[in-house]
Protein backbone atom coordinates (compact mmCIF):
# COMPACT_ATOMS: atom_id res chain seq x y z
CA MET A 1 -43.28 -0.38 -90.99
CA ALA A 2 -40.34 -2.66 -88.72
CA THR A 3 -41.67 -5.50 -87.10
CA PRO A 4 -41.58 -6.31 -83.67
CA LYS A 5 -38.39 -8.59 -82.52
CA ALA A 6 -39.92 -11.92 -80.76
CA VAL A 7 -39.29 -11.76 -77.13
CA GLU A 8 -36.91 -14.66 -76.26
CA ALA A 9 -37.86 -16.74 -73.40
CA PRO A 10 -35.26 -16.79 -70.48
CA LYS A 11 -32.97 -19.99 -70.47
CA ALA A 12 -32.74 -21.84 -67.78
CA VAL A 13 -29.72 -21.85 -65.72
CA GLY A 14 -27.33 -24.51 -66.31
CA ALA A 15 -28.33 -24.56 -70.38
CA PRO A 16 -25.75 -23.86 -72.65
CA GLY A 17 -25.45 -19.75 -73.01
CA ALA A 18 -27.21 -19.61 -69.81
CA PRO A 19 -25.77 -17.18 -66.92
CA THR A 20 -23.58 -19.56 -63.97
CA ALA A 21 -25.10 -18.75 -60.87
CA PRO A 22 -23.01 -17.34 -58.07
CA HIS A 23 -21.30 -19.62 -55.97
CA SER A 24 -22.21 -19.74 -52.32
CA ARG A 25 -19.19 -20.18 -50.09
CA LYS A 26 -19.52 -23.33 -47.88
CA SER A 27 -18.28 -23.38 -44.01
CA VAL A 28 -15.36 -26.04 -43.18
CA THR A 29 -17.78 -28.39 -42.21
CA GLY A 30 -20.52 -28.13 -44.09
CA THR A 31 -23.49 -28.69 -42.61
CA ARG A 32 -22.24 -31.73 -40.32
CA LYS A 33 -22.58 -31.64 -36.78
CA ALA A 34 -20.81 -33.96 -35.93
CA VAL A 35 -17.52 -32.56 -37.18
CA ALA A 36 -18.40 -29.14 -35.30
CA ALA A 37 -18.67 -31.36 -32.59
CA LEU A 38 -15.93 -33.00 -33.08
CA PHE A 39 -13.17 -30.21 -33.66
CA LEU A 40 -15.18 -28.82 -29.94
CA LEU A 41 -14.72 -32.22 -28.28
CA PRO A 42 -11.18 -31.51 -26.64
CA ALA A 43 -12.11 -27.82 -25.54
CA LEU A 44 -15.42 -29.34 -24.35
CA VAL A 45 -13.19 -31.97 -22.00
CA LEU A 46 -10.68 -29.52 -21.02
CA LEU A 47 -13.54 -27.22 -19.76
CA GLY A 48 -15.26 -29.76 -17.89
CA ALA A 49 -12.30 -31.41 -16.35
CA LEU A 50 -10.86 -28.27 -15.28
CA VAL A 51 -14.10 -25.58 -14.65
CA VAL A 52 -17.36 -27.95 -14.53
CA TYR A 53 -16.09 -30.93 -12.55
CA PRO A 54 -14.13 -29.03 -9.78
CA ILE A 55 -17.53 -26.71 -9.23
CA GLY A 56 -19.67 -29.62 -8.81
CA TYR A 57 -17.23 -31.34 -6.30
CA SER A 58 -17.31 -28.16 -4.63
CA LEU A 59 -20.57 -27.64 -4.29
CA VAL A 60 -21.40 -31.88 -3.28
CA ARG A 61 -18.17 -31.33 -0.97
CA SER A 62 -19.24 -28.30 0.62
CA LEU A 63 -22.66 -30.48 2.35
CA TYR A 64 -20.54 -32.96 4.01
CA ASP A 65 -18.23 -32.44 7.48
CA GLN A 66 -14.89 -32.77 7.79
CA THR A 67 -14.14 -35.84 6.84
CA GLY A 68 -16.50 -36.27 4.10
CA ASP A 69 -18.70 -38.87 5.37
CA GLY A 70 -21.00 -37.39 7.10
CA PHE A 71 -23.98 -35.11 5.69
CA ALA A 72 -24.12 -31.61 7.13
CA GLY A 73 -26.31 -29.72 4.82
CA VAL A 74 -26.21 -25.96 5.49
CA ASP A 75 -23.82 -26.06 8.50
CA ASN A 76 -20.45 -25.14 6.30
CA TYR A 77 -22.46 -22.32 5.07
CA LYS A 78 -23.59 -20.97 8.35
CA ALA A 79 -19.96 -21.08 9.18
CA LEU A 80 -19.22 -18.25 6.65
CA PHE A 81 -21.30 -15.71 9.05
CA THR A 82 -20.14 -17.44 12.80
CA ASP A 83 -17.09 -17.68 12.29
CA ASP A 84 -14.68 -14.48 13.53
CA GLY A 85 -11.72 -15.33 10.57
CA ILE A 86 -14.50 -15.47 7.97
CA ARG A 87 -16.13 -12.67 9.37
CA THR A 88 -13.24 -10.34 8.86
CA ALA A 89 -12.63 -11.88 5.53
CA LEU A 90 -15.81 -11.13 4.43
CA LYS A 91 -15.41 -7.25 5.75
CA ASN A 92 -11.87 -7.28 4.44
CA ASN A 93 -13.33 -8.36 0.68
CA VAL A 94 -15.84 -5.80 0.98
CA ILE A 95 -13.57 -3.00 1.54
CA TRP A 96 -11.10 -4.64 -1.55
CA VAL A 97 -14.23 -4.74 -3.89
CA VAL A 98 -14.74 -0.97 -2.70
CA PHE A 99 -11.48 0.99 -3.04
CA ALA A 100 -8.87 -1.63 -4.58
CA PRO A 101 -11.45 -1.28 -8.54
CA THR A 102 -12.53 2.51 -8.28
CA VAL A 103 -8.55 3.90 -7.17
CA ALA A 104 -6.79 1.82 -9.93
CA THR A 105 -9.48 2.73 -12.32
CA ALA A 106 -9.65 6.79 -11.30
CA LEU A 107 -5.95 6.74 -11.25
CA GLY A 108 -5.56 4.93 -15.19
CA LEU A 109 -8.05 7.47 -16.16
CA VAL A 110 -5.90 10.37 -14.81
CA PHE A 111 -2.64 8.65 -16.54
CA ALA A 112 -4.63 7.90 -19.86
CA VAL A 113 -5.59 11.65 -19.95
CA LEU A 114 -2.70 13.27 -19.12
CA THR A 115 -0.13 11.29 -20.90
CA GLU A 116 -2.06 12.32 -24.58
CA ARG A 117 -0.87 16.16 -23.60
CA VAL A 118 3.01 15.37 -23.34
CA ARG A 119 5.86 13.91 -25.43
CA TRP A 120 6.88 11.32 -23.42
CA GLY A 121 3.52 9.58 -22.48
CA THR A 122 4.61 6.39 -23.98
CA ALA A 123 7.37 6.22 -22.22
CA PHE A 124 5.47 7.09 -19.01
CA LYS A 125 2.42 4.61 -20.17
CA LEU A 126 5.42 1.75 -20.38
CA VAL A 127 6.99 2.26 -16.79
CA VAL A 128 3.29 2.41 -15.33
CA PHE A 129 2.25 -0.95 -17.21
CA MET A 130 5.41 -2.60 -16.04
CA PRO A 131 4.22 -3.60 -13.07
CA MET A 132 1.79 -6.14 -14.44
CA ALA A 133 4.64 -8.17 -16.16
CA ILE A 134 5.85 -8.37 -12.78
CA SER A 135 4.18 -12.14 -10.84
CA MET A 136 2.43 -11.08 -7.54
CA LEU A 137 4.53 -13.44 -6.09
CA ALA A 138 7.48 -11.28 -6.91
CA ALA A 139 4.99 -7.79 -6.18
CA GLY A 140 4.61 -9.37 -2.77
CA ILE A 141 8.12 -9.92 -1.81
CA ILE A 142 9.35 -6.31 -3.50
CA PHE A 143 6.32 -4.86 -1.20
CA ARG A 144 7.59 -6.65 2.03
CA LEU A 145 10.87 -4.86 1.68
CA VAL A 146 8.95 -1.95 0.88
CA TYR A 147 6.93 -1.73 3.99
CA ASP A 148 9.34 -2.95 6.26
CA GLN A 149 9.57 -1.08 9.71
CA ASP A 150 13.02 -0.49 9.37
CA PRO A 151 14.14 2.90 7.54
CA ASP A 152 17.45 2.22 6.56
CA LYS A 153 15.53 -0.98 4.98
CA GLY A 154 11.89 0.17 4.06
CA VAL A 155 11.30 2.62 1.07
CA ALA A 156 7.92 3.60 2.97
CA ASN A 157 9.05 4.71 5.98
CA ALA A 158 12.53 5.94 4.59
CA VAL A 159 10.26 8.66 2.56
CA TRP A 160 7.87 8.81 5.43
CA VAL A 161 10.72 9.37 8.47
CA GLY A 162 12.33 11.77 6.17
CA VAL A 163 9.56 13.92 5.89
CA HIS A 164 8.85 13.81 9.65
CA ASP A 165 12.50 14.92 10.27
CA THR A 166 11.59 17.65 8.38
CA PHE A 167 9.11 19.08 9.96
CA ALA A 168 10.13 18.06 13.37
CA GLU A 169 13.90 17.60 14.95
CA ALA A 170 14.92 14.01 16.02
CA SER A 171 16.52 13.88 19.24
CA ALA A 172 20.26 12.91 19.02
CA PHE A 173 20.11 11.53 22.62
CA PRO A 174 17.52 8.80 23.06
CA LYS A 175 19.14 6.41 25.05
CA ALA A 176 20.67 9.03 27.51
CA HIS A 177 20.42 8.65 31.67
CA PRO A 178 22.32 9.68 34.52
CA GLY A 179 24.96 7.51 35.14
CA ARG A 180 26.16 6.67 38.95
CA ASP A 181 26.82 9.51 41.17
CA SER A 182 25.34 11.65 39.19
CA PRO A 183 23.15 14.39 40.59
CA LEU A 184 20.16 14.42 38.23
CA ARG A 185 17.33 12.04 39.21
CA ALA A 186 14.05 11.15 37.06
CA ASP A 187 11.55 13.87 36.72
CA GLY A 188 8.53 11.67 36.03
CA GLY A 189 7.93 13.15 32.85
CA GLY A 190 10.86 11.30 30.77
CA GLY A 191 12.93 13.80 31.61
CA PHE A 192 15.93 14.57 34.29
CA LEU A 193 16.16 17.21 37.27
CA THR A 194 18.35 17.90 39.31
CA GLU A 195 18.40 16.84 42.90
CA GLU A 196 19.65 20.29 45.01
CA PRO A 197 19.35 24.11 43.91
CA VAL A 198 22.24 25.45 41.74
CA ARG A 199 24.00 29.04 42.30
CA ALA A 200 25.19 31.53 40.69
CA GLY A 201 29.39 30.65 39.90
CA VAL A 202 29.36 27.64 41.17
CA PRO A 203 30.06 25.67 37.81
CA VAL A 204 27.42 22.45 37.54
CA SER A 205 28.11 18.84 35.92
CA LEU A 206 25.40 16.58 34.12
CA PRO A 207 27.11 13.89 33.26
CA LEU A 208 25.55 11.26 31.66
CA VAL A 209 25.73 7.70 29.64
CA GLY A 210 24.14 5.41 27.01
CA VAL A 211 24.90 7.09 23.76
CA ALA A 212 26.80 5.16 21.70
CA PRO A 213 30.05 7.09 20.34
CA ASP A 214 29.20 6.66 16.75
CA GLN A 215 25.59 7.95 17.52
CA MET A 216 26.79 11.26 19.22
CA PRO A 217 26.03 14.46 17.21
CA GLY A 218 27.88 15.57 14.68
CA GLY A 219 28.93 19.19 16.19
CA ALA A 220 30.18 16.57 19.56
CA GLU A 221 33.14 18.18 20.68
CA LYS A 222 35.65 17.36 23.34
CA ALA A 223 33.99 18.03 26.96
CA VAL A 224 35.68 20.43 29.09
CA LYS A 225 34.49 22.02 32.71
CA ALA A 226 32.78 25.20 32.69
CA ARG A 227 34.41 28.12 34.59
CA PRO A 228 32.13 29.64 37.43
CA GLU A 229 30.64 33.38 36.05
CA GLN A 230 29.45 35.94 38.68
CA GLY A 231 25.90 36.38 38.29
CA ALA A 232 25.38 33.23 35.89
CA VAL A 233 24.89 29.82 36.38
CA THR A 234 27.33 27.54 34.34
CA GLY A 235 27.93 24.08 33.91
CA THR A 236 28.83 20.68 31.59
CA ALA A 237 26.29 17.80 29.69
CA TRP A 238 28.87 15.25 28.45
CA GLN A 239 29.03 11.67 27.68
CA ASP A 240 31.12 10.89 31.00
CA PHE A 241 32.28 7.12 29.64
CA THR A 242 35.52 6.46 28.35
CA ARG A 243 36.69 3.39 26.43
CA GLY A 244 38.71 0.95 28.57
CA LYS A 245 38.99 -0.69 32.09
CA GLY A 246 39.70 1.37 34.80
CA VAL A 247 40.40 4.45 32.60
CA GLY A 248 38.83 8.12 33.20
CA THR A 249 37.46 9.83 36.35
CA LEU A 250 33.71 10.00 37.13
CA GLY A 251 31.84 12.92 37.50
CA VAL A 252 34.93 14.70 35.43
CA PRO A 253 35.28 15.55 31.88
CA ASP A 254 38.17 13.17 30.50
CA PRO A 255 40.31 14.19 27.52
CA THR A 256 38.66 11.85 25.26
CA GLU A 257 34.91 12.50 26.57
CA LEU A 258 32.56 14.48 24.42
CA GLY A 259 30.07 17.25 24.88
CA TYR A 260 25.96 16.90 24.53
CA ALA A 261 26.26 19.58 22.07
CA GLY A 262 22.83 20.99 21.38
CA MET A 263 21.34 19.26 24.81
CA ARG A 264 18.63 21.38 25.89
CA ILE A 265 18.78 23.08 29.83
CA GLU A 266 15.91 24.23 31.68
CA ALA A 267 15.88 26.22 35.13
CA VAL A 268 13.03 25.24 37.12
CA LYS A 269 11.65 27.63 40.30
CA ASP A 270 8.47 26.51 41.62
CA GLY A 271 7.41 24.42 38.47
CA LYS A 272 7.79 27.00 36.03
CA VAL A 273 10.64 27.73 33.95
CA VAL A 274 12.34 30.73 34.66
CA ALA A 275 15.59 30.33 31.79
CA SER A 276 16.88 27.64 29.22
CA THR A 277 19.96 27.65 26.88
CA LYS A 278 21.30 24.80 25.09
CA ALA A 279 24.79 23.47 25.32
CA ALA A 280 27.77 24.19 23.19
CA GLY A 281 29.52 21.65 21.35
CA ASP A 282 31.69 21.13 24.35
CA GLY A 283 28.97 20.35 26.79
CA THR A 284 29.78 23.84 28.23
CA PHE A 285 26.05 26.14 29.22
CA THR A 286 25.61 29.31 30.54
CA LEU A 287 22.38 30.60 32.17
CA PRO A 288 21.42 34.12 33.30
CA ALA A 289 21.21 34.95 36.97
CA GLU A 290 17.36 33.76 36.94
CA ALA A 291 18.58 30.64 37.37
CA ASP A 292 20.70 31.42 40.65
CA GLY A 293 18.26 28.98 43.30
CA ALA A 294 16.68 26.67 40.58
CA ARG A 295 17.07 23.12 39.83
CA LEU A 296 18.20 22.41 35.93
CA ARG A 297 16.33 20.28 34.16
CA LEU A 298 16.98 18.08 31.08
CA PRO A 299 13.46 17.95 29.34
CA ALA A 300 12.37 14.89 27.71
CA ALA A 301 12.50 15.98 24.40
CA ASN A 302 16.34 15.43 24.72
CA PHE A 303 15.47 12.01 25.18
CA LYS A 304 12.62 11.20 23.13
CA GLU A 305 12.96 8.05 20.93
CA ALA A 306 14.14 8.63 17.04
CA TYR A 307 10.63 8.87 14.85
CA ASN A 308 10.72 5.62 13.16
CA GLY A 309 7.82 5.76 11.11
CA LEU A 310 4.60 3.85 10.89
CA ASP A 311 4.11 0.50 11.06
CA TRP A 312 2.79 -0.87 7.62
CA LEU A 313 2.11 -4.02 8.49
CA GLY A 314 0.59 -3.62 11.76
CA PRO A 315 -3.32 -4.50 11.81
CA SER A 316 -4.83 -1.44 11.32
CA LEU A 317 -3.03 -0.31 8.25
CA VAL A 318 -2.05 -3.65 6.56
CA THR A 319 -5.21 -4.27 4.32
CA PRO A 320 -4.80 -0.42 2.96
CA ALA A 321 -0.92 -1.20 2.58
CA ILE A 322 -1.42 -4.35 0.55
CA ILE A 323 -4.22 -2.05 -1.46
CA GLY A 324 -1.56 0.18 -2.91
CA SER A 325 0.60 -2.57 -3.98
CA TYR A 326 -2.33 -3.99 -5.80
CA ILE A 327 -3.08 -0.50 -7.09
CA TRP A 328 0.27 -0.34 -8.20
CA MET A 329 0.09 -3.67 -9.95
CA TRP A 330 -3.14 -2.83 -11.77
CA ALA A 331 -3.37 0.84 -12.40
CA GLY A 332 -1.13 0.07 -15.87
CA PHE A 333 -3.79 -2.27 -16.99
CA ALA A 334 -6.77 0.52 -16.36
CA MET A 335 -4.42 3.25 -17.92
CA VAL A 336 -4.28 1.12 -21.43
CA LEU A 337 -7.27 0.14 -21.98
CA ILE A 338 -8.83 3.82 -20.84
CA ALA A 339 -6.08 4.98 -23.41
CA ALA A 340 -7.32 2.63 -25.81
CA GLY A 341 -10.90 3.67 -25.60
CA LEU A 342 -9.97 7.80 -25.40
CA ALA A 343 -8.39 6.97 -28.64
CA GLY A 344 -11.75 6.64 -30.25
CA VAL A 345 -13.63 9.90 -28.58
CA PRO A 346 -14.09 12.45 -31.41
CA ARG A 347 -12.16 14.84 -31.04
CA GLU A 348 -14.32 17.26 -32.83
CA LEU A 349 -16.84 16.64 -29.39
CA LEU A 350 -14.07 18.11 -27.54
CA GLU A 351 -13.12 21.03 -29.69
CA ALA A 352 -16.43 21.85 -30.01
CA ALA A 353 -16.69 21.80 -26.03
CA ARG A 354 -13.77 24.30 -25.82
CA VAL A 355 -14.76 26.62 -28.46
CA ASP A 356 -17.97 27.41 -26.43
CA GLY A 357 -15.93 28.14 -22.99
CA ALA A 358 -15.72 24.53 -21.11
CA THR A 359 -12.68 24.56 -19.28
CA GLU A 360 -10.22 21.82 -19.29
CA TRP A 361 -11.70 20.68 -15.98
CA GLN A 362 -15.73 20.84 -17.55
CA VAL A 363 -14.54 19.24 -20.57
CA PHE A 364 -13.03 16.08 -18.73
CA ARG A 365 -15.77 16.07 -16.22
CA ARG A 366 -19.22 16.62 -18.66
CA VAL A 367 -17.24 15.34 -22.17
CA THR A 368 -14.26 12.96 -21.72
CA VAL A 369 -15.87 10.70 -18.74
CA PRO A 370 -19.17 10.88 -19.96
CA LEU A 371 -18.10 9.50 -23.77
CA LEU A 372 -15.60 7.17 -21.38
CA ALA A 373 -17.92 5.40 -19.28
CA PRO A 374 -18.65 2.31 -21.45
CA VAL A 375 -14.74 1.53 -20.79
CA LEU A 376 -14.70 2.50 -17.32
CA ALA A 377 -16.91 0.03 -16.69
CA VAL A 378 -15.34 -2.93 -18.29
CA VAL A 379 -12.48 -1.95 -16.22
CA THR A 380 -14.33 -1.64 -12.96
CA VAL A 381 -15.58 -4.66 -13.04
CA THR A 382 -12.92 -6.43 -14.20
CA LEU A 383 -10.72 -5.40 -11.42
CA MET A 384 -13.63 -6.43 -9.45
CA ILE A 385 -13.63 -9.99 -9.90
CA ASN A 386 -9.63 -10.12 -9.74
CA VAL A 387 -9.92 -8.55 -6.15
CA LEU A 388 -12.33 -10.99 -4.84
CA LYS A 389 -10.54 -13.61 -5.77
CA VAL A 390 -7.08 -12.20 -4.30
CA PHE A 391 -4.56 -14.17 -2.55
CA ASP A 392 -1.12 -13.97 -3.25
CA LEU A 393 -0.76 -10.37 -2.09
CA VAL A 394 -1.80 -11.03 1.02
CA PHE A 395 -0.22 -13.78 1.81
CA ILE A 396 3.12 -13.34 1.20
CA ILE A 397 2.86 -9.15 2.38
CA ALA A 398 0.71 -9.35 5.75
CA PRO A 399 3.24 -11.18 8.20
CA GLY A 400 2.23 -13.93 11.06
CA SER A 401 1.42 -11.53 13.57
CA SER A 402 -1.23 -9.27 11.28
CA GLN A 403 -2.51 -12.21 8.91
CA ASP A 404 -5.59 -12.35 10.56
CA ASP A 405 -5.97 -8.69 9.96
CA ALA A 406 -5.45 -8.84 6.51
CA ASN A 407 -7.46 -11.85 5.67
CA VAL A 408 -9.75 -12.49 3.03
CA LEU A 409 -11.87 -14.76 1.36
CA ALA A 410 -8.79 -16.66 -1.14
CA LEU A 411 -6.74 -16.77 1.78
CA GLU A 412 -9.21 -17.93 4.02
CA LEU A 413 -9.96 -20.76 1.75
CA TYR A 414 -6.16 -22.27 1.63
CA ARG A 415 -6.13 -21.93 5.59
CA LYS A 416 -8.96 -23.63 6.37
CA GLY A 417 -8.38 -26.31 3.25
CA PHE A 418 -5.23 -27.09 4.16
CA SER A 419 -3.97 -25.63 7.56
CA GLU A 420 -6.98 -26.19 9.78
CA ASP A 421 -7.95 -28.87 7.24
CA GLN A 422 -11.65 -28.48 7.05
CA PRO A 423 -12.58 -28.93 3.63
CA GLY A 424 -16.16 -28.80 4.29
CA ILE A 425 -16.03 -25.34 5.21
CA ALA A 426 -13.31 -24.60 2.68
CA SER A 427 -15.45 -26.12 -0.29
CA ALA A 428 -18.60 -23.68 1.05
CA ILE A 429 -16.16 -20.77 0.80
CA ALA A 430 -15.16 -21.70 -3.05
CA VAL A 431 -19.25 -21.50 -3.59
CA PHE A 432 -19.55 -18.39 -2.08
CA LEU A 433 -16.99 -17.10 -3.85
CA LEU A 434 -18.57 -18.16 -7.42
CA LEU A 435 -22.17 -16.91 -6.40
CA LEU A 436 -20.36 -12.99 -5.97
CA VAL A 437 -18.43 -13.17 -9.34
CA ILE A 438 -21.15 -14.40 -11.29
CA PRO A 439 -23.61 -11.41 -10.88
CA VAL A 440 -20.27 -9.23 -11.63
CA MET A 441 -19.77 -11.73 -14.42
CA TRP A 442 -23.34 -11.16 -15.89
CA PHE A 443 -23.16 -7.60 -15.55
CA ASN A 444 -19.91 -7.62 -17.70
CA VAL A 445 -21.17 -10.11 -20.28
CA ARG A 446 -24.49 -8.16 -20.88
CA ARG A 447 -22.72 -4.61 -21.13
CA LEU A 448 -20.23 -6.21 -23.53
CA ARG A 449 -23.06 -7.65 -26.02
CA ARG A 450 -24.97 -4.29 -25.47
CA GLU A 451 -21.72 -2.14 -27.02
CA VAL A 452 -21.62 -5.68 -29.60
CA ARG A 453 -24.98 -4.45 -30.75
CA ARG A 454 -24.28 -0.68 -31.22
């Protein structure tokens, strides 16, 4: 019978032959809080000097008057809601916060989703994100030129005028008018009317001046005197002007003078148009027998000013125009963040939805967007914080004549503090802006913490 082995007592840790305990990894600073505070000190000093002190000083300064010696209490804060300039800035800030982040995020979402389906998606993302490399100042200068009123300089109006003129023909004679001894007189509606009725078989002369030679229509030819025709009214409409002093004869087409090609002529009896035609390249025209005894009218459509586009930087459009430039810059930022979130979306869910018969629009609306909701919220909130302090674009793009209409809180802060020498009100605006940003930042921080816990 085997004798049981004696059970050996476990050896103490550290004794010879005993197993060694695993070493716990120590932090760089150990347990000394003083060392940790020493490392944090430079950051804390910078934070206090660049953030805490300015906030505290602005809060105190907002309670004093313009000189800084008299205590004003909340008077500066009352000005936020009584001063017309600040009220306009508040209204514009609301427009910025509502539209700019929403549109930029929506475009970023569309770009991120669509670029996944094309080979050149990376190149497209690069182009859309490129404006982020441009400073606000440079972007403001670019868009100041883009929104120039002159279609020959401003890209926006060049495109707009091109589209407009495709559907509405522009006049070739915007500044034409009767010269001396002309049978034409203004009819009160922007056109011109002959003083006397015209007769069939008697040619009519309709001399005009006011169109620069280089602005004449491309089809204009040398003007000729119309020949009489029995049973028809004939005539000539031409540029009755010859370069050189004393050169040419008034009321008669000279060899160097051009006809008004395409000029519309109407025969009017008792206020009604009985016949109409257009002048040929040499300015001659022919009207049927119904024009006999009528008065000839050159309608206002012949002389209307050429369409010059929209006043993008005028009082009514300046804020939407500047928001458009902001979206051009920041849509790429939204696209990149959303594309990163989209890369983490499980493809199995999208394929399962398609297998179940969902259309691409349904997959996008019911699957993709809900899964991207946290990313969309972070992007939108980040852009909201950004637009609350927008300054550069408004200051650079809006001209002096409409800067009051485009005013925002950050710009009004600058104007009150430096242009109008009212540091108390400027400090109150700064504190007010801080109060507006804090809830948005708090919402963003809470959402980020929630995401970390998941």
